[in-house]
Protein backbone atom coordinates (compact mmCIF):
# COMPACT_ATOMS: atom_id res chain seq x y z
CA UNK A 1 0.00 0.00 0.00
CA UNK A 2 1.41 3.36 -0.98
CA UNK A 3 0.41 6.56 0.67
CA UNK A 4 -1.05 9.19 -1.63
CA UNK A 5 -0.43 12.95 -1.57
CA UNK A 6 -4.03 13.50 -0.46
CA UNK A 7 -3.49 11.21 2.55
CA UNK A 8 -0.28 13.05 3.45
CA UNK A 9 -2.12 16.35 3.12
CA UNK A 10 -4.68 15.24 5.71
CA UNK A 11 -2.00 13.85 8.02
CA UNK A 12 0.04 17.06 8.00
CA UNK A 13 -2.89 19.47 7.84
CA UNK A 14 -4.61 17.96 10.88
CA UNK A 15 -1.36 16.81 12.47
CA UNK A 16 -0.24 20.37 13.24
CA UNK A 17 -3.45 21.20 15.12
CA UNK A 18 -2.38 19.63 18.45
CA UNK A 19 0.73 21.80 18.40
CA UNK A 20 -1.37 24.91 17.76
CA UNK A 21 -3.62 23.88 20.66
CA UNK A 22 -0.55 23.66 22.87
CA UNK A 23 0.38 27.21 21.86
CA UNK A 24 -3.13 28.49 22.57
CA UNK A 25 -3.93 26.54 25.74
CA UNK A 26 -0.53 25.73 27.30
CA UNK A 27 1.98 28.19 25.82
CA UNK A 28 4.39 27.92 28.75
CA UNK A 29 4.04 24.21 29.48
CA UNK A 30 7.08 21.98 29.33
CA UNK A 31 5.59 19.83 26.53
CA UNK A 32 4.97 22.96 24.43
CA UNK A 33 8.55 24.03 25.01
CA UNK A 34 9.88 20.63 24.01
CA UNK A 35 7.78 20.18 20.88
CA UNK A 36 7.02 23.65 19.56
CA UNK A 37 9.23 26.34 21.08
CA UNK A 38 12.34 24.22 20.65
CA UNK A 39 11.63 24.03 16.93
CA UNK A 40 11.16 20.25 16.91
CA UNK A 41 7.80 20.28 15.14
CA UNK A 42 8.67 23.03 12.66
CA UNK A 43 11.82 21.01 11.86
CA UNK A 44 9.79 17.83 11.35
CA UNK A 45 7.65 19.78 8.91
CA UNK A 46 10.83 21.13 7.32
CA UNK A 47 12.14 17.61 6.76
CA UNK A 48 8.83 16.58 5.17
CA UNK A 49 8.90 19.69 2.99
CA UNK A 50 12.47 19.04 1.86
CA UNK A 51 11.74 15.39 1.06
CA UNK A 52 8.61 16.27 -0.93
CA UNK A 53 10.39 19.07 -2.76
CA UNK A 54 13.21 16.69 -3.70
CA UNK A 55 10.68 14.08 -4.83
CA UNK A 56 8.90 16.71 -6.88
CA UNK A 57 12.09 17.83 -8.57
CA UNK A 58 13.37 14.27 -9.09
CA UNK A 59 10.05 13.13 -10.52
CA UNK A 60 9.67 16.13 -12.76
CA UNK A 61 8.55 15.51 -16.29
CA UNK A 62 11.55 16.14 -18.59
CA UNK A 63 9.18 17.94 -20.96
CA UNK A 64 7.92 20.24 -18.19
CA UNK A 65 9.31 23.76 -17.96
CA UNK A 66 12.19 24.35 -15.54
CA UNK A 67 11.29 25.61 -12.08
CA UNK A 68 10.84 29.34 -12.48
CA UNK A 69 9.97 31.74 -9.68
CA UNK A 70 10.29 34.84 -11.85
CA UNK A 71 6.71 34.80 -13.15
CA UNK A 72 3.27 33.72 -12.03
CA UNK A 73 3.18 31.29 -14.97
CA UNK A 74 6.44 29.71 -13.79
CA UNK A 75 5.09 29.29 -10.27
CA UNK A 76 1.82 27.83 -11.58
CA UNK A 77 3.76 25.34 -13.71
CA UNK A 78 5.91 24.36 -10.73
CA UNK A 79 2.86 23.42 -8.67
CA UNK A 80 1.22 21.21 -11.29
CA UNK A 81 1.95 18.00 -9.39
CA UNK A 82 0.23 17.02 -6.14
CA UNK A 83 3.62 16.34 -4.55
CA UNK A 84 4.86 19.85 -5.34
CA UNK A 85 1.58 21.35 -4.14
CA UNK A 86 1.81 19.35 -0.90
CA UNK A 87 5.39 20.54 -0.39
CA UNK A 88 4.16 24.11 -0.81
CA UNK A 89 1.39 23.57 1.74
CA UNK A 90 3.80 22.06 4.27
CA UNK A 91 5.99 25.13 3.71
CA UNK A 92 3.06 27.23 4.99
CA UNK A 93 2.39 24.88 7.91
CA UNK A 94 6.03 24.95 9.06
CA UNK A 95 6.50 28.69 8.85
CA UNK A 96 3.12 29.53 10.37
CA UNK A 97 3.79 27.26 13.36
CA UNK A 98 7.25 28.78 13.77
CA UNK A 99 5.79 32.31 13.66
CA UNK A 100 3.02 31.37 16.12
CA UNK A 101 5.58 29.99 18.56
CA UNK A 102 7.69 33.14 18.21
CA UNK A 103 4.63 35.31 18.94
CA UNK A 104 4.00 33.35 22.16
CA UNK A 105 7.62 33.56 23.29
CA UNK A 106 7.91 37.24 22.43
CA UNK A 107 4.64 38.10 24.19
CA UNK A 108 5.75 36.24 27.32
CA UNK A 109 9.13 38.00 27.22
CA UNK A 110 7.61 41.49 27.13
CA UNK A 111 4.64 40.75 29.39
CA UNK A 112 1.71 40.75 26.97
CA UNK A 113 -1.13 38.72 28.51
CA UNK A 114 -1.60 35.47 26.61
CA UNK A 115 -5.32 36.13 26.08
CA UNK A 116 -4.35 39.19 24.02
CA UNK A 117 -2.19 36.97 21.78
CA UNK A 118 -4.74 34.24 21.06
CA UNK A 119 -6.60 36.12 18.27
CA UNK A 120 -3.29 36.69 16.50
CA UNK A 121 -2.39 33.00 16.89
CA UNK A 122 -5.68 31.93 15.31
CA UNK A 123 -5.06 34.33 12.46
CA UNK A 124 -1.45 33.14 12.02
CA UNK A 125 -2.80 29.59 11.69
CA UNK A 126 -5.44 30.60 9.16
CA UNK A 127 -3.69 33.42 7.27
CA UNK A 128 -0.04 33.57 8.39
CA UNK A 129 1.11 37.08 7.48
CA UNK A 130 -2.20 38.68 8.55
CA UNK A 131 -1.83 37.03 11.97
CA UNK A 132 1.74 38.23 12.26
CA UNK A 133 0.58 41.72 11.38
CA UNK A 134 -2.10 41.55 14.09
CA UNK A 135 0.44 40.35 16.65
CA UNK A 136 2.84 43.16 15.74
CA UNK A 137 -0.02 45.66 16.18
CA UNK A 138 -0.93 44.18 19.59
CA UNK A 139 2.74 44.24 20.52
CA UNK A 140 3.09 47.88 19.47
CA UNK A 141 -0.04 48.93 21.38
CA UNK A 142 1.08 47.01 24.48
CA UNK A 143 4.59 48.45 24.46
CA UNK A 144 3.31 52.00 23.86
CA UNK A 145 0.71 51.62 26.62
CA UNK A 146 3.32 50.30 29.01
CA UNK A 147 5.80 53.05 28.12
CA UNK A 148 3.18 55.80 28.52
CA UNK A 149 2.01 54.38 31.86
CA UNK A 150 5.59 54.30 33.15
CA UNK A 151 6.21 57.84 31.92
CA UNK A 152 3.32 58.98 34.12
C-alpha atoms as a PDB file:
ATOM      1  CA  UNK A   1       0.000   0.000   0.000  1.00  0.00           C
ATOM      2  CA  UNK A   2       1.415   3.360  -0.980  1.00  0.00           C
ATOM      3  CA  UNK A   3       0.410   6.560   0.672  1.00  0.00           C
ATOM      4  CA  UNK A   4      -1.055   9.191  -1.625  1.00  0.00           C
ATOM      5  CA  UNK A   5      -0.427  12.946  -1.570  1.00  0.00           C
ATOM      6  CA  UNK A   6      -4.029  13.502  -0.464  1.00  0.00           C
ATOM      7  CA  UNK A   7      -3.490  11.212   2.549  1.00  0.00           C
ATOM      8  CA  UNK A   8      -0.284  13.046   3.454  1.00  0.00           C
ATOM      9  CA  UNK A   9      -2.120  16.346   3.123  1.00  0.00           C
ATOM     10  CA  UNK A  10      -4.684  15.240   5.710  1.00  0.00           C
ATOM     11  CA  UNK A  11      -1.996  13.847   8.019  1.00  0.00           C
ATOM     12  CA  UNK A  12       0.042  17.061   7.998  1.00  0.00           C
ATOM     13  CA  UNK A  13      -2.889  19.471   7.842  1.00  0.00           C
ATOM     14  CA  UNK A  14      -4.607  17.959  10.877  1.00  0.00           C
ATOM     15  CA  UNK A  15      -1.359  16.813  12.472  1.00  0.00           C
ATOM     16  CA  UNK A  16      -0.244  20.370  13.241  1.00  0.00           C
ATOM     17  CA  UNK A  17      -3.447  21.201  15.121  1.00  0.00           C
ATOM     18  CA  UNK A  18      -2.377  19.631  18.453  1.00  0.00           C
ATOM     19  CA  UNK A  19       0.730  21.804  18.405  1.00  0.00           C
ATOM     20  CA  UNK A  20      -1.373  24.905  17.765  1.00  0.00           C
ATOM     21  CA  UNK A  21      -3.621  23.878  20.655  1.00  0.00           C
ATOM     22  CA  UNK A  22      -0.547  23.658  22.869  1.00  0.00           C
ATOM     23  CA  UNK A  23       0.382  27.208  21.859  1.00  0.00           C
ATOM     24  CA  UNK A  24      -3.126  28.494  22.567  1.00  0.00           C
ATOM     25  CA  UNK A  25      -3.930  26.542  25.744  1.00  0.00           C
ATOM     26  CA  UNK A  26      -0.534  25.728  27.301  1.00  0.00           C
ATOM     27  CA  UNK A  27       1.975  28.186  25.819  1.00  0.00           C
ATOM     28  CA  UNK A  28       4.394  27.923  28.754  1.00  0.00           C
ATOM     29  CA  UNK A  29       4.039  24.206  29.479  1.00  0.00           C
ATOM     30  CA  UNK A  30       7.083  21.977  29.330  1.00  0.00           C
ATOM     31  CA  UNK A  31       5.588  19.831  26.532  1.00  0.00           C
ATOM     32  CA  UNK A  32       4.970  22.956  24.432  1.00  0.00           C
ATOM     33  CA  UNK A  33       8.546  24.032  25.007  1.00  0.00           C
ATOM     34  CA  UNK A  34       9.884  20.627  24.012  1.00  0.00           C
ATOM     35  CA  UNK A  35       7.776  20.178  20.881  1.00  0.00           C
ATOM     36  CA  UNK A  36       7.019  23.646  19.560  1.00  0.00           C
ATOM     37  CA  UNK A  37       9.231  26.340  21.083  1.00  0.00           C
ATOM     38  CA  UNK A  38      12.336  24.219  20.647  1.00  0.00           C
ATOM     39  CA  UNK A  39      11.627  24.031  16.933  1.00  0.00           C
ATOM     40  CA  UNK A  40      11.162  20.252  16.908  1.00  0.00           C
ATOM     41  CA  UNK A  41       7.796  20.275  15.143  1.00  0.00           C
ATOM     42  CA  UNK A  42       8.670  23.031  12.665  1.00  0.00           C
ATOM     43  CA  UNK A  43      11.821  21.011  11.857  1.00  0.00           C
ATOM     44  CA  UNK A  44       9.787  17.827  11.351  1.00  0.00           C
ATOM     45  CA  UNK A  45       7.652  19.776   8.907  1.00  0.00           C
ATOM     46  CA  UNK A  46      10.827  21.126   7.316  1.00  0.00           C
ATOM     47  CA  UNK A  47      12.140  17.615   6.761  1.00  0.00           C
ATOM     48  CA  UNK A  48       8.828  16.576   5.166  1.00  0.00           C
ATOM     49  CA  UNK A  49       8.897  19.693   2.988  1.00  0.00           C
ATOM     50  CA  UNK A  50      12.473  19.040   1.858  1.00  0.00           C
ATOM     51  CA  UNK A  51      11.738  15.394   1.059  1.00  0.00           C
ATOM     52  CA  UNK A  52       8.612  16.270  -0.930  1.00  0.00           C
ATOM     53  CA  UNK A  53      10.394  19.073  -2.756  1.00  0.00           C
ATOM     54  CA  UNK A  54      13.211  16.687  -3.700  1.00  0.00           C
ATOM     55  CA  UNK A  55      10.681  14.079  -4.831  1.00  0.00           C
ATOM     56  CA  UNK A  56       8.896  16.707  -6.876  1.00  0.00           C
ATOM     57  CA  UNK A  57      12.090  17.831  -8.569  1.00  0.00           C
ATOM     58  CA  UNK A  58      13.367  14.272  -9.090  1.00  0.00           C
ATOM     59  CA  UNK A  59      10.046  13.132 -10.516  1.00  0.00           C
ATOM     60  CA  UNK A  60       9.666  16.128 -12.761  1.00  0.00           C
ATOM     61  CA  UNK A  61       8.554  15.507 -16.293  1.00  0.00           C
ATOM     62  CA  UNK A  62      11.548  16.143 -18.593  1.00  0.00           C
ATOM     63  CA  UNK A  63       9.181  17.942 -20.961  1.00  0.00           C
ATOM     64  CA  UNK A  64       7.916  20.241 -18.193  1.00  0.00           C
ATOM     65  CA  UNK A  65       9.308  23.760 -17.956  1.00  0.00           C
ATOM     66  CA  UNK A  66      12.191  24.349 -15.542  1.00  0.00           C
ATOM     67  CA  UNK A  67      11.290  25.607 -12.075  1.00  0.00           C
ATOM     68  CA  UNK A  68      10.836  29.343 -12.482  1.00  0.00           C
ATOM     69  CA  UNK A  69       9.972  31.740  -9.677  1.00  0.00           C
ATOM     70  CA  UNK A  70      10.285  34.840 -11.851  1.00  0.00           C
ATOM     71  CA  UNK A  71       6.711  34.802 -13.147  1.00  0.00           C
ATOM     72  CA  UNK A  72       3.272  33.721 -12.033  1.00  0.00           C
ATOM     73  CA  UNK A  73       3.178  31.291 -14.968  1.00  0.00           C
ATOM     74  CA  UNK A  74       6.436  29.709 -13.795  1.00  0.00           C
ATOM     75  CA  UNK A  75       5.091  29.289 -10.275  1.00  0.00           C
ATOM     76  CA  UNK A  76       1.822  27.830 -11.578  1.00  0.00           C
ATOM     77  CA  UNK A  77       3.757  25.339 -13.715  1.00  0.00           C
ATOM     78  CA  UNK A  78       5.909  24.360 -10.729  1.00  0.00           C
ATOM     79  CA  UNK A  79       2.857  23.420  -8.671  1.00  0.00           C
ATOM     80  CA  UNK A  80       1.217  21.210 -11.287  1.00  0.00           C
ATOM     81  CA  UNK A  81       1.949  18.001  -9.390  1.00  0.00           C
ATOM     82  CA  UNK A  82       0.227  17.022  -6.142  1.00  0.00           C
ATOM     83  CA  UNK A  83       3.621  16.341  -4.546  1.00  0.00           C
ATOM     84  CA  UNK A  84       4.862  19.853  -5.336  1.00  0.00           C
ATOM     85  CA  UNK A  85       1.581  21.354  -4.137  1.00  0.00           C
ATOM     86  CA  UNK A  86       1.807  19.349  -0.896  1.00  0.00           C
ATOM     87  CA  UNK A  87       5.385  20.544  -0.394  1.00  0.00           C
ATOM     88  CA  UNK A  88       4.157  24.113  -0.812  1.00  0.00           C
ATOM     89  CA  UNK A  89       1.392  23.574   1.737  1.00  0.00           C
ATOM     90  CA  UNK A  90       3.801  22.058   4.271  1.00  0.00           C
ATOM     91  CA  UNK A  91       5.992  25.126   3.710  1.00  0.00           C
ATOM     92  CA  UNK A  92       3.063  27.225   4.987  1.00  0.00           C
ATOM     93  CA  UNK A  93       2.388  24.881   7.907  1.00  0.00           C
ATOM     94  CA  UNK A  94       6.029  24.949   9.061  1.00  0.00           C
ATOM     95  CA  UNK A  95       6.499  28.687   8.848  1.00  0.00           C
ATOM     96  CA  UNK A  96       3.123  29.527  10.368  1.00  0.00           C
ATOM     97  CA  UNK A  97       3.792  27.258  13.357  1.00  0.00           C
ATOM     98  CA  UNK A  98       7.255  28.783  13.767  1.00  0.00           C
ATOM     99  CA  UNK A  99       5.789  32.313  13.663  1.00  0.00           C
ATOM    100  CA  UNK A 100       3.025  31.373  16.116  1.00  0.00           C
ATOM    101  CA  UNK A 101       5.583  29.987  18.561  1.00  0.00           C
ATOM    102  CA  UNK A 102       7.688  33.138  18.205  1.00  0.00           C
ATOM    103  CA  UNK A 103       4.626  35.315  18.941  1.00  0.00           C
ATOM    104  CA  UNK A 104       4.000  33.349  22.158  1.00  0.00           C
ATOM    105  CA  UNK A 105       7.621  33.564  23.290  1.00  0.00           C
ATOM    106  CA  UNK A 106       7.913  37.239  22.425  1.00  0.00           C
ATOM    107  CA  UNK A 107       4.643  38.099  24.192  1.00  0.00           C
ATOM    108  CA  UNK A 108       5.748  36.243  27.318  1.00  0.00           C
ATOM    109  CA  UNK A 109       9.129  38.001  27.220  1.00  0.00           C
ATOM    110  CA  UNK A 110       7.615  41.492  27.135  1.00  0.00           C
ATOM    111  CA  UNK A 111       4.645  40.746  29.391  1.00  0.00           C
ATOM    112  CA  UNK A 112       1.712  40.751  26.971  1.00  0.00           C
ATOM    113  CA  UNK A 113      -1.134  38.718  28.511  1.00  0.00           C
ATOM    114  CA  UNK A 114      -1.600  35.469  26.607  1.00  0.00           C
ATOM    115  CA  UNK A 115      -5.317  36.129  26.081  1.00  0.00           C
ATOM    116  CA  UNK A 116      -4.354  39.185  24.024  1.00  0.00           C
ATOM    117  CA  UNK A 117      -2.186  36.973  21.777  1.00  0.00           C
ATOM    118  CA  UNK A 118      -4.741  34.242  21.060  1.00  0.00           C
ATOM    119  CA  UNK A 119      -6.602  36.116  18.274  1.00  0.00           C
ATOM    120  CA  UNK A 120      -3.295  36.686  16.500  1.00  0.00           C
ATOM    121  CA  UNK A 121      -2.389  32.998  16.887  1.00  0.00           C
ATOM    122  CA  UNK A 122      -5.676  31.928  15.309  1.00  0.00           C
ATOM    123  CA  UNK A 123      -5.062  34.333  12.456  1.00  0.00           C
ATOM    124  CA  UNK A 124      -1.455  33.139  12.018  1.00  0.00           C
ATOM    125  CA  UNK A 125      -2.805  29.592  11.691  1.00  0.00           C
ATOM    126  CA  UNK A 126      -5.442  30.599   9.156  1.00  0.00           C
ATOM    127  CA  UNK A 127      -3.695  33.418   7.269  1.00  0.00           C
ATOM    128  CA  UNK A 128      -0.045  33.574   8.386  1.00  0.00           C
ATOM    129  CA  UNK A 129       1.111  37.085   7.484  1.00  0.00           C
ATOM    130  CA  UNK A 130      -2.202  38.675   8.549  1.00  0.00           C
ATOM    131  CA  UNK A 131      -1.833  37.032  11.971  1.00  0.00           C
ATOM    132  CA  UNK A 132       1.743  38.227  12.263  1.00  0.00           C
ATOM    133  CA  UNK A 133       0.576  41.724  11.376  1.00  0.00           C
ATOM    134  CA  UNK A 134      -2.100  41.553  14.086  1.00  0.00           C
ATOM    135  CA  UNK A 135       0.442  40.345  16.646  1.00  0.00           C
ATOM    136  CA  UNK A 136       2.838  43.160  15.738  1.00  0.00           C
ATOM    137  CA  UNK A 137      -0.019  45.659  16.175  1.00  0.00           C
ATOM    138  CA  UNK A 138      -0.928  44.177  19.590  1.00  0.00           C
ATOM    139  CA  UNK A 139       2.745  44.242  20.522  1.00  0.00           C
ATOM    140  CA  UNK A 140       3.085  47.884  19.475  1.00  0.00           C
ATOM    141  CA  UNK A 141      -0.035  48.926  21.379  1.00  0.00           C
ATOM    142  CA  UNK A 142       1.079  47.013  24.477  1.00  0.00           C
ATOM    143  CA  UNK A 143       4.586  48.453  24.459  1.00  0.00           C
ATOM    144  CA  UNK A 144       3.310  51.999  23.864  1.00  0.00           C
ATOM    145  CA  UNK A 145       0.707  51.622  26.621  1.00  0.00           C
ATOM    146  CA  UNK A 146       3.319  50.299  29.009  1.00  0.00           C
ATOM    147  CA  UNK A 147       5.805  53.047  28.124  1.00  0.00           C
ATOM    148  CA  UNK A 148       3.175  55.803  28.522  1.00  0.00           C
ATOM    149  CA  UNK A 149       2.011  54.381  31.860  1.00  0.00           C
ATOM    150  CA  UNK A 150       5.589  54.301  33.147  1.00  0.00           C
ATOM    151  CA  UNK A 151       6.209  57.844  31.916  1.00  0.00           C
ATOM    152  CA  UNK A 152       3.318  58.983  34.120  1.00  0.00           C
END
